[in-house]
PDB file of N, CA and C in Angstrom:
ATOM      1  N   MET A   1       0.814  -1.191   0.000  1.00  0.00           N
ATOM      2  CA  MET A   1       0.000   0.000   0.000  1.00  0.00           C
ATOM      3  C   MET A   1       0.863   1.264   0.000  1.00  0.00           C
ATOM      4  N   ASN A   2       1.965   1.223   0.722  1.00  0.00           N
ATOM      5  CA  ASN A   2       2.803   2.413   0.843  1.00  0.00           C
ATOM      6  C   ASN A   2       4.080   2.332   0.022  1.00  0.00           C
ATOM      7  N   GLU A   3       4.216   1.284  -0.769  1.00  0.00           N
ATOM      8  CA  GLU A   3       5.412   1.122  -1.596  1.00  0.00           C
ATOM      9  C   GLU A   3       5.361   2.086  -2.777  1.00  0.00           C
ATOM     10  N   ARG A   4       6.518   2.684  -3.080  1.00  0.00           N
ATOM     11  CA  ARG A   4       6.646   3.566  -4.242  1.00  0.00           C
ATOM     12  C   ARG A   4       7.601   2.909  -5.231  1.00  0.00           C
ATOM     13  N   VAL A   5       7.196   2.833  -6.477  1.00  0.00           N
ATOM     14  CA  VAL A   5       8.032   2.228  -7.510  1.00  0.00           C
ATOM     15  C   VAL A   5       8.484   3.343  -8.436  1.00  0.00           C
ATOM     16  N   GLY A   6       9.698   3.807  -8.237  1.00  0.00           N
ATOM     17  CA  GLY A   6      10.239   4.889  -9.053  1.00  0.00           C
ATOM     18  C   GLY A   6      10.298   6.200  -8.289  1.00  0.00           C
ATOM     19  N   GLN A   7      11.259   7.010  -8.682  1.00  0.00           N
ATOM     20  CA  GLN A   7      11.453   8.301  -8.035  1.00  0.00           C
ATOM     21  C   GLN A   7      10.257   9.212  -8.303  1.00  0.00           C
ATOM     22  N   GLY A   8       9.723   9.804  -7.254  1.00  0.00           N
ATOM     23  CA  GLY A   8       8.595  10.717  -7.383  1.00  0.00           C
ATOM     24  C   GLY A   8       7.250  10.032  -7.566  1.00  0.00           C
ATOM     25  N   ALA A   9       7.247   8.697  -7.520  1.00  0.00           N
ATOM     26  CA  ALA A   9       5.992   7.958  -7.715  1.00  0.00           C
ATOM     27  C   ALA A   9       5.136   8.014  -6.456  1.00  0.00           C
ATOM     28  N   ASP A  10       3.832   7.919  -6.652  1.00  0.00           N
ATOM     29  CA  ASP A  10       2.900   7.813  -5.535  1.00  0.00           C
ATOM     30  C   ASP A  10       2.805   6.365  -5.089  1.00  0.00           C
ATOM     31  N   SER A  11       2.539   6.175  -3.828  1.00  0.00           N
ATOM     32  CA  SER A  11       2.133   4.853  -3.368  1.00  0.00           C
ATOM     33  C   SER A  11       0.633   4.727  -3.634  1.00  0.00           C
ATOM     34  N   PHE A  12       0.103   3.534  -3.501  1.00  0.00           N
ATOM     35  CA  PHE A  12      -1.334   3.370  -3.688  1.00  0.00           C
ATOM     36  C   PHE A  12      -2.091   4.143  -2.612  1.00  0.00           C
ATOM     37  N   ALA A  13      -1.534   4.194  -1.399  1.00  0.00           N
ATOM     38  CA  ALA A  13      -2.156   4.967  -0.319  1.00  0.00           C
ATOM     39  C   ALA A  13      -2.187   6.454  -0.677  1.00  0.00           C
ATOM     40  N   ASP A  14      -1.125   6.966  -1.306  1.00  0.00           N
ATOM     41  CA  ASP A  14      -1.105   8.367  -1.749  1.00  0.00           C
ATOM     42  C   ASP A  14      -2.186   8.611  -2.799  1.00  0.00           C
ATOM     43  N   PHE A  15      -2.288   7.702  -3.757  1.00  0.00           N
ATOM     44  CA  PHE A  15      -3.287   7.786  -4.816  1.00  0.00           C
ATOM     45  C   PHE A  15      -4.690   7.821  -4.217  1.00  0.00           C
ATOM     46  N   ASP A  16      -4.951   6.919  -3.280  1.00  0.00           N
ATOM     47  CA  ASP A  16      -6.248   6.873  -2.609  1.00  0.00           C
ATOM     48  C   ASP A  16      -6.519   8.178  -1.853  1.00  0.00           C
ATOM     49  N   ALA A  17      -5.507   8.726  -1.203  1.00  0.00           N
ATOM     50  CA  ALA A  17      -5.677   9.980  -0.457  1.00  0.00           C
ATOM     51  C   ALA A  17      -6.015  11.136  -1.399  1.00  0.00           C
ATOM     52  N   ARG A  18      -5.397  11.164  -2.584  1.00  0.00           N
ATOM     53  CA  ARG A  18      -5.727  12.221  -3.554  1.00  0.00           C
ATOM     54  C   ARG A  18      -7.169  12.102  -4.022  1.00  0.00           C
ATOM     55  N   LEU A  19      -7.622  10.873  -4.240  1.00  0.00           N
ATOM     56  CA  LEU A  19      -9.009  10.693  -4.660  1.00  0.00           C
ATOM     57  C   LEU A  19      -9.967  11.080  -3.532  1.00  0.00           C
ATOM     58  N   GLU A  20      -9.623  10.739  -2.302  1.00  0.00           N
ATOM     59  CA  GLU A  20     -10.440  11.151  -1.150  1.00  0.00           C
ATOM     60  C   GLU A  20     -10.514  12.670  -1.053  1.00  0.00           C
ATOM     61  N   ALA A  21      -9.393  13.351  -1.303  1.00  0.00           N
ATOM     62  CA  ALA A  21      -9.390  14.820  -1.277  1.00  0.00           C
ATOM     63  C   ALA A  21     -10.343  15.367  -2.334  1.00  0.00           C
ATOM     64  N   PHE A  22     -10.354  14.753  -3.523  1.00  0.00           N
ATOM     65  CA  PHE A  22     -11.300  15.166  -4.557  1.00  0.00           C
ATOM     66  C   PHE A  22     -12.730  14.988  -4.063  1.00  0.00           C
ATOM     67  N   LEU A  23     -13.027  13.842  -3.445  1.00  0.00           N
ATOM     68  CA  LEU A  23     -14.386  13.585  -2.971  1.00  0.00           C
ATOM     69  C   LEU A  23     -14.812  14.553  -1.867  1.00  0.00           C
ATOM     70  N   GLN A  24     -13.857  15.094  -1.141  1.00  0.00           N
ATOM     71  CA  GLN A  24     -14.181  16.086  -0.118  1.00  0.00           C
ATOM     72  C   GLN A  24     -14.471  17.458  -0.723  1.00  0.00           C
ATOM     73  N   GLN A  25     -13.985  17.698  -1.952  1.00  0.00           N
ATOM     74  CA  GLN A  25     -14.090  19.037  -2.545  1.00  0.00           C
ATOM     75  C   GLN A  25     -14.872  19.101  -3.843  1.00  0.00           C
ATOM     76  N   TRP A  26     -15.356  17.985  -4.369  1.00  0.00           N
ATOM     77  CA  TRP A  26     -16.012  17.979  -5.682  1.00  0.00           C
ATOM     78  C   TRP A  26     -17.177  18.955  -5.748  1.00  0.00           C
ATOM     79  N   HIS A  27     -17.896  19.107  -4.641  1.00  0.00           N
ATOM     80  CA  HIS A  27     -19.087  19.968  -4.640  1.00  0.00           C
ATOM     81  C   HIS A  27     -18.751  21.446  -4.837  1.00  0.00           C
ATOM     82  N   GLN A  28     -17.489  21.811  -4.716  1.00  0.00           N
ATOM     83  CA  GLN A  28     -17.085  23.200  -4.930  1.00  0.00           C
ATOM     84  C   GLN A  28     -16.869  23.521  -6.407  1.00  0.00           C
ATOM     85  N   LEU A  29     -16.848  22.511  -7.249  1.00  0.00           N
ATOM     86  CA  LEU A  29     -16.682  22.736  -8.692  1.00  0.00           C
ATOM     87  C   LEU A  29     -17.978  23.286  -9.277  1.00  0.00           C
ATOM     88  N   PRO A  30     -17.871  24.210 -10.222  1.00  0.00           N
ATOM     89  CA  PRO A  30     -19.090  24.706 -10.879  1.00  0.00           C
ATOM     90  C   PRO A  30     -19.776  23.583 -11.657  1.00  0.00           C
ATOM     91  N   ASP A  31     -21.100  23.628 -11.724  1.00  0.00           N
ATOM     92  CA  ASP A  31     -21.838  22.667 -12.549  1.00  0.00           C
ATOM     93  C   ASP A  31     -21.292  22.709 -13.966  1.00  0.00           C
ATOM     94  N   GLY A  32     -21.206  21.561 -14.579  1.00  0.00           N
ATOM     95  CA  GLY A  32     -20.722  21.482 -15.951  1.00  0.00           C
ATOM     96  C   GLY A  32     -19.213  21.449 -16.072  1.00  0.00           C
ATOM     97  N   SER A  33     -18.493  21.356 -14.945  1.00  0.00           N
ATOM     98  CA  SER A  33     -17.027  21.292 -15.009  1.00  0.00           C
ATOM     99  C   SER A  33     -16.593  20.057 -15.784  1.00  0.00           C
ATOM    100  N   LEU A  34     -15.534  20.200 -16.544  1.00  0.00           N
ATOM    101  CA  LEU A  34     -14.979  19.103 -17.334  1.00  0.00           C
ATOM    102  C   LEU A  34     -13.638  18.718 -16.729  1.00  0.00           C
ATOM    103  N   LEU A  35     -13.484  17.458 -16.382  1.00  0.00           N
ATOM    104  CA  LEU A  35     -12.257  16.958 -15.781  1.00  0.00           C
ATOM    105  C   LEU A  35     -11.676  15.873 -16.674  1.00  0.00           C
ATOM    106  N   PHE A  36     -10.378  15.814 -16.746  1.00  0.00           N
ATOM    107  CA  PHE A  36      -9.686  14.776 -17.506  1.00  0.00           C
ATOM    108  C   PHE A  36      -8.949  13.884 -16.519  1.00  0.00           C
ATOM    109  N   GLY A  37      -8.925  12.597 -16.793  1.00  0.00           N
ATOM    110  CA  GLY A  37      -8.212  11.694 -15.904  1.00  0.00           C
ATOM    111  C   GLY A  37      -7.892  10.385 -16.582  1.00  0.00           C
ATOM    112  N   HIS A  38      -7.131   9.584 -15.891  1.00  0.00           N
ATOM    113  CA  HIS A  38      -6.761   8.260 -16.378  1.00  0.00           C
ATOM    114  C   HIS A  38      -7.822   7.248 -15.972  1.00  0.00           C
ATOM    115  N   GLY A  39      -7.870   6.154 -16.713  1.00  0.00           N
ATOM    116  CA  GLY A  39      -8.841   5.107 -16.426  1.00  0.00           C
ATOM    117  C   GLY A  39      -8.740   4.557 -15.021  1.00  0.00           C
ATOM    118  N   ILE A  40      -7.520   4.430 -14.495  1.00  0.00           N
ATOM    119  CA  ILE A  40      -7.369   3.886 -13.146  1.00  0.00           C
ATOM    120  C   ILE A  40      -7.968   4.843 -12.113  1.00  0.00           C
ATOM    121  N   TRP A  41      -7.896   6.158 -12.378  1.00  0.00           N
ATOM    122  CA  TRP A  41      -8.489   7.146 -11.468  1.00  0.00           C
ATOM    123  C   TRP A  41     -10.007   7.024 -11.494  1.00  0.00           C
ATOM    124  N   ILE A  42     -10.577   6.924 -12.693  1.00  0.00           N
ATOM    125  CA  ILE A  42     -12.030   6.761 -12.827  1.00  0.00           C
ATOM    126  C   ILE A  42     -12.463   5.461 -12.148  1.00  0.00           C
ATOM    127  N   ALA A  43     -11.687   4.394 -12.327  1.00  0.00           N
ATOM    128  CA  ALA A  43     -12.030   3.111 -11.712  1.00  0.00           C
ATOM    129  C   ALA A  43     -11.993   3.201 -10.190  1.00  0.00           C
ATOM    130  N   LEU A  44     -10.991   3.883  -9.626  1.00  0.00           N
ATOM    131  CA  LEU A  44     -10.937   4.022  -8.171  1.00  0.00           C
ATOM    132  C   LEU A  44     -12.103   4.866  -7.676  1.00  0.00           C
ATOM    133  N   LEU A  45     -12.475   5.888  -8.423  1.00  0.00           N
ATOM    134  CA  LEU A  45     -13.652   6.679  -8.057  1.00  0.00           C
ATOM    135  C   LEU A  45     -14.894   5.784  -8.039  1.00  0.00           C
ATOM    136  N   ALA A  46     -15.087   4.990  -9.078  1.00  0.00           N
ATOM    137  CA  ALA A  46     -16.238   4.074  -9.134  1.00  0.00           C
ATOM    138  C   ALA A  46     -16.206   3.101  -7.957  1.00  0.00           C
ATOM    139  N   TRP A  47     -15.042   2.537  -7.676  1.00  0.00           N
ATOM    140  CA  TRP A  47     -14.861   1.584  -6.576  1.00  0.00           C
ATOM    141  C   TRP A  47     -15.307   2.200  -5.257  1.00  0.00           C
ATOM    142  N   LYS A  48     -14.851   3.408  -4.999  1.00  0.00           N
ATOM    143  CA  LYS A  48     -15.182   4.071  -3.743  1.00  0.00           C
ATOM    144  C   LYS A  48     -16.655   4.471  -3.688  1.00  0.00           C
ATOM    145  N   LEU A  49     -17.217   4.890  -4.823  1.00  0.00           N
ATOM    146  CA  LEU A  49     -18.635   5.244  -4.843  1.00  0.00           C
ATOM    147  C   LEU A  49     -19.515   4.016  -4.612  1.00  0.00           C
ATOM    148  N   LEU A  50     -19.008   2.842  -4.938  1.00  0.00           N
ATOM    149  CA  LEU A  50     -19.735   1.600  -4.658  1.00  0.00           C
ATOM    150  C   LEU A  50     -19.611   1.180  -3.193  1.00  0.00           C
ATOM    151  N   GLY A  51     -18.814   1.923  -2.430  1.00  0.00           N
ATOM    152  CA  GLY A  51     -18.691   1.665  -1.001  1.00  0.00           C
ATOM    153  C   GLY A  51     -17.490   0.846  -0.590  1.00  0.00           C
ATOM    154  N   PHE A  52     -16.616   0.526  -1.542  1.00  0.00           N
ATOM    155  CA  PHE A  52     -15.424  -0.253  -1.226  1.00  0.00           C
ATOM    156  C   PHE A  52     -14.295   0.669  -0.775  1.00  0.00           C
ATOM    157  N   GLN A  53     -13.378   0.110  -0.001  1.00  0.00           N
ATOM    158  CA  GLN A  53     -12.218   0.847   0.479  1.00  0.00           C
ATOM    159  C   GLN A  53     -10.949   0.161  -0.022  1.00  0.00           C
ATOM    160  N   VAL A  54      -9.833   0.812   0.187  1.00  0.00           N
ATOM    161  CA  VAL A  54      -8.528   0.223  -0.119  1.00  0.00           C
ATOM    162  C   VAL A  54      -7.620   0.424   1.091  1.00  0.00           C
ATOM    163  N   ALA A  55      -7.929  -0.311   2.154  1.00  0.00           N
ATOM    164  CA  ALA A  55      -7.202  -0.153   3.405  1.00  0.00           C
ATOM    165  C   ALA A  55      -6.174  -1.257   3.649  1.00  0.00           C
ATOM    166  N   SER A  56      -6.104  -2.237   2.753  1.00  0.00           N
ATOM    167  CA  SER A  56      -5.185  -3.359   2.960  1.00  0.00           C
ATOM    168  C   SER A  56      -4.685  -3.862   1.607  1.00  0.00           C
ATOM    169  N   PRO A  57      -3.613  -4.649   1.622  1.00  0.00           N
ATOM    170  CA  PRO A  57      -3.161  -5.244   0.361  1.00  0.00           C
ATOM    171  C   PRO A  57      -4.247  -6.095  -0.312  1.00  0.00           C
ATOM    172  N   ALA A  58      -5.085  -6.775   0.463  1.00  0.00           N
ATOM    173  CA  ALA A  58      -6.178  -7.566  -0.126  1.00  0.00           C
ATOM    174  C   ALA A  58      -7.181  -6.653  -0.829  1.00  0.00           C
ATOM    175  N   ASP A  59      -7.478  -5.493  -0.228  1.00  0.00           N
ATOM    176  CA  ASP A  59      -8.371  -4.519  -0.872  1.00  0.00           C
ATOM    177  C   ASP A  59      -7.758  -4.026  -2.175  1.00  0.00           C
ATOM    178  N   MET A  60      -6.457  -3.771  -2.147  1.00  0.00           N
ATOM    179  CA  MET A  60      -5.769  -3.283  -3.337  1.00  0.00           C
ATOM    180  C   MET A  60      -5.835  -4.329  -4.451  1.00  0.00           C
ATOM    181  N   ALA A  61      -5.658  -5.596  -4.107  1.00  0.00           N
ATOM    182  CA  ALA A  61      -5.749  -6.669  -5.103  1.00  0.00           C
ATOM    183  C   ALA A  61      -7.171  -6.786  -5.647  1.00  0.00           C
ATOM    184  N   ALA A  62      -8.169  -6.650  -4.779  1.00  0.00           N
ATOM    185  CA  ALA A  62      -9.568  -6.708  -5.224  1.00  0.00           C
ATOM    186  C   ALA A  62      -9.871  -5.531  -6.147  1.00  0.00           C
ATOM    187  N   PHE A  63      -9.353  -4.347  -5.805  1.00  0.00           N
ATOM    188  CA  PHE A  63      -9.556  -3.191  -6.676  1.00  0.00           C
ATOM    189  C   PHE A  63      -8.923  -3.435  -8.038  1.00  0.00           C
ATOM    190  N   ARG A  64      -7.724  -3.988  -8.054  1.00  0.00           N
ATOM    191  CA  ARG A  64      -7.037  -4.236  -9.329  1.00  0.00           C
ATOM    192  C   ARG A  64      -7.863  -5.168 -10.215  1.00  0.00           C
ATOM    193  N   ALA A  65      -8.456  -6.192  -9.639  1.00  0.00           N
ATOM    194  CA  ALA A  65      -9.316  -7.096 -10.415  1.00  0.00           C
ATOM    195  C   ALA A  65     -10.527  -6.335 -10.958  1.00  0.00           C
ATOM    196  N   PHE A  66     -11.113  -5.471 -10.140  1.00  0.00           N
ATOM    197  CA  PHE A  66     -12.246  -4.643 -10.562  1.00  0.00           C
ATOM    198  C   PHE A  66     -11.826  -3.714 -11.692  1.00  0.00           C
ATOM    199  N   GLN A  67     -10.693  -3.055 -11.511  1.00  0.00           N
ATOM    200  CA  GLN A  67     -10.217  -2.063 -12.480  1.00  0.00           C
ATOM    201  C   GLN A  67      -9.919  -2.690 -13.831  1.00  0.00           C
ATOM    202  N   THR A  68      -9.302  -3.854 -13.836  1.00  0.00           N
ATOM    203  CA  THR A  68      -8.970  -4.479 -15.115  1.00  0.00           C
ATOM    204  C   THR A  68     -10.203  -5.050 -15.810  1.00  0.00           C
ATOM    205  N   ALA A  69     -11.262  -5.330 -15.064  1.00  0.00           N
ATOM    206  CA  ALA A  69     -12.505  -5.839 -15.659  1.00  0.00           C
ATOM    207  C   ALA A  69     -13.433  -4.719 -16.122  1.00  0.00           C
ATOM    208  N   MET A  70     -13.169  -3.494 -15.682  1.00  0.00           N
ATOM    209  CA  MET A  70     -14.032  -2.358 -16.021  1.00  0.00           C
ATOM    210  C   MET A  70     -13.667  -1.838 -17.410  1.00  0.00           C
ATOM    211  N   PRO A  71     -14.603  -1.858 -18.353  1.00  0.00           N
ATOM    212  CA  PRO A  71     -14.293  -1.322 -19.685  1.00  0.00           C
ATOM    213  C   PRO A  71     -13.918   0.159 -19.582  1.00  0.00           C
ATOM    214  N   MET A  72     -12.783   0.516 -20.178  1.00  0.00           N
ATOM    215  CA  MET A  72     -12.336   1.902 -20.102  1.00  0.00           C
ATOM    216  C   MET A  72     -11.659   2.272 -21.419  1.00  0.00           C
ATOM    217  N   PRO A  73     -12.456   2.492 -22.466  1.00  0.00           N
ATOM    218  CA  PRO A  73     -11.849   2.875 -23.742  1.00  0.00           C
ATOM    219  C   PRO A  73     -11.222   4.267 -23.648  1.00  0.00           C
ATOM    220  N   ASN A  74     -10.190   4.492 -24.471  1.00  0.00           N
ATOM    221  CA  ASN A  74      -9.620   5.843 -24.541  1.00  0.00           C
ATOM    222  C   ASN A  74     -10.714   6.817 -24.935  1.00  0.00           C
ATOM    223  N   THR A  75     -10.664   7.986 -24.394  1.00  0.00           N
ATOM    224  CA  THR A  75     -11.600   9.098 -24.615  1.00  0.00           C
ATOM    225  C   THR A  75     -13.009   8.808 -24.111  1.00  0.00           C
ATOM    226  N   ALA A  76     -13.156   7.825 -23.235  1.00  0.00           N
ATOM    227  CA  ALA A  76     -14.472   7.569 -22.648  1.00  0.00           C
ATOM    228  C   ALA A  76     -14.910   8.789 -21.846  1.00  0.00           C
ATOM    229  N   MET A  77     -16.193   9.050 -21.871  1.00  0.00           N
ATOM    230  CA  MET A  77     -16.747  10.178 -21.109  1.00  0.00           C
ATOM    231  C   MET A  77     -17.693   9.635 -20.043  1.00  0.00           C
ATOM    232  N   TRP A  78     -17.484  10.093 -18.818  1.00  0.00           N
ATOM    233  CA  TRP A  78     -18.303   9.709 -17.679  1.00  0.00           C
ATOM    234  C   TRP A  78     -18.846  10.984 -17.048  1.00  0.00           C
ATOM    235  N   THR A  79     -20.036  10.920 -16.498  1.00  0.00           N
ATOM    236  CA  THR A  79     -20.620  12.046 -15.782  1.00  0.00           C
ATOM    237  C   THR A  79     -20.751  11.661 -14.315  1.00  0.00           C
ATOM    238  N   LEU A  80     -20.315  12.566 -13.443  1.00  0.00           N
ATOM    239  CA  LEU A  80     -20.475  12.386 -12.005  1.00  0.00           C
ATOM    240  C   LEU A  80     -21.787  13.056 -11.622  1.00  0.00           C
ATOM    241  N   VAL A  81     -22.733  12.274 -11.129  1.00  0.00           N
ATOM    242  CA  VAL A  81     -24.084  12.750 -10.858  1.00  0.00           C
ATOM    243  C   VAL A  81     -24.383  12.597  -9.375  1.00  0.00           C
ATOM    244  N   GLY A  82     -25.035  13.594  -8.796  1.00  0.00           N
ATOM    245  CA  GLY A  82     -25.463  13.518  -7.402  1.00  0.00           C
ATOM    246  C   GLY A  82     -25.330  14.862  -6.727  1.00  0.00           C
ATOM    247  N   SER A  83     -26.032  15.008  -5.621  1.00  0.00           N
ATOM    248  CA  SER A  83     -26.004  16.284  -4.910  1.00  0.00           C
ATOM    249  C   SER A  83     -25.195  16.216  -3.623  1.00  0.00           C
ATOM    250  N   CYS A  84     -24.914  15.010  -3.142  1.00  0.00           N
ATOM    251  CA  CYS A  84     -24.060  14.848  -1.964  1.00  0.00           C
ATOM    252  C   CYS A  84     -23.267  13.556  -2.135  1.00  0.00           C
ATOM    253  N   ARG A  85     -22.228  13.401  -1.363  1.00  0.00           N
ATOM    254  CA  ARG A  85     -21.351  12.239  -1.555  1.00  0.00           C
ATOM    255  C   ARG A  85     -22.115  10.923  -1.456  1.00  0.00           C
ATOM    256  N   GLU A  86     -23.079  10.862  -0.575  1.00  0.00           N
ATOM    257  CA  GLU A  86     -23.822   9.620  -0.361  1.00  0.00           C
ATOM    258  C   GLU A  86     -24.595   9.170  -1.593  1.00  0.00           C
ATOM    259  N   ASP A  87     -24.972  10.109  -2.468  1.00  0.00           N
ATOM    260  CA  ASP A  87     -25.729   9.694  -3.657  1.00  0.00           C
ATOM    261  C   ASP A  87     -24.963   9.913  -4.964  1.00  0.00           C
ATOM    262  N   LEU A  88     -23.661  10.150  -4.870  1.00  0.00           N
ATOM    263  CA  LEU A  88     -22.853  10.298  -6.085  1.00  0.00           C
ATOM    264  C   LEU A  88     -22.791   8.987  -6.852  1.00  0.00           C
ATOM    265  N   ARG A  89     -22.809   9.093  -8.162  1.00  0.00           N
ATOM    266  CA  ARG A  89     -22.629   7.922  -9.013  1.00  0.00           C
ATOM    267  C   ARG A  89     -21.995   8.364 -10.323  1.00  0.00           C
ATOM    268  N   LEU A  90     -21.334   7.438 -10.970  1.00  0.00           N
ATOM    269  CA  LEU A  90     -20.746   7.675 -12.286  1.00  0.00           C
ATOM    270  C   LEU A  90     -21.679   7.110 -13.342  1.00  0.00           C
ATOM    271  N   VAL A  91     -21.901   7.870 -14.396  1.00  0.00           N
ATOM    272  CA  VAL A  91     -22.741   7.431 -15.506  1.00  0.00           C
ATOM    273  C   VAL A  91     -21.897   7.475 -16.771  1.00  0.00           C
ATOM    274  N   PHE A  92     -21.795   6.342 -17.457  1.00  0.00           N
ATOM    275  CA  PHE A  92     -21.040   6.276 -18.706  1.00  0.00           C
ATOM    276  C   PHE A  92     -21.815   7.019 -19.785  1.00  0.00           C
ATOM    277  N   GLN A  93     -21.146   7.933 -20.481  1.00  0.00           N
ATOM    278  CA  GLN A  93     -21.789   8.720 -21.529  1.00  0.00           C
ATOM    279  C   GLN A  93     -21.441   8.217 -22.921  1.00  0.00           C
ATOM    280  N   SER A  94     -20.152   8.027 -23.183  1.00  0.00           N
ATOM    281  CA  SER A  94     -19.754   7.570 -24.515  1.00  0.00           C
ATOM    282  C   SER A  94     -18.292   7.161 -24.530  1.00  0.00           C
ATOM    283  N   GLY A  95     -17.966   6.402 -25.546  1.00  0.00           N
ATOM    284  CA  GLY A  95     -16.594   6.000 -25.800  1.00  0.00           C
ATOM    285  C   GLY A  95     -16.211   6.447 -27.191  1.00  0.00           C
ATOM    286  N   PRO A  96     -15.080   5.997 -27.686  1.00  0.00           N
ATOM    287  CA  PRO A  96     -14.645   6.408 -29.022  1.00  0.00           C
ATOM    288  C   PRO A  96     -15.610   5.903 -30.095  1.00  0.00           C
ATOM    289  N   VAL A  97     -15.723   6.672 -31.138  1.00  0.00           N
ATOM    290  CA  VAL A  97     -16.594   6.320 -32.263  1.00  0.00           C
ATOM    291  C   VAL A  97     -15.764   5.608 -33.317  1.00  0.00           C
ATOM    292  N   ALA A  98     -16.215   4.451 -33.752  1.00  0.00           N
ATOM    293  CA  ALA A  98     -15.505   3.708 -34.804  1.00  0.00           C
ATOM    294  C   ALA A  98     -15.700   4.406 -36.141  1.00  0.00           C
ATOM    295  N   GLU A  99     -14.652   4.425 -36.937  1.00  0.00           N
ATOM    296  CA  GLU A  99     -14.747   5.067 -38.258  1.00  0.00           C
ATOM    297  C   GLU A  99     -15.062   4.066 -39.325  1.00  0.00           C
TER     298      GLU A  99
END
């Protein structure tokens, strides 16, 4: 949980803390705000909104299985919906369009 791989890298605990900080402050963003992020960040947000935690190596392994099973195409768009943390949810809007 606290291991860092590479200089300047975050540990998984650091990553989780950054996402928790976002969840404490998301309501301060103006409606219609557009955020960009990596698939693993979106997956951790979904994981936490489902009520799961990452407090142990077993939790981290369970999250990894969840994250790799979650479809996350490049340029996928998700909407964060809800008025308080307790009712927040992610809604998939769209993925890349095939040509």
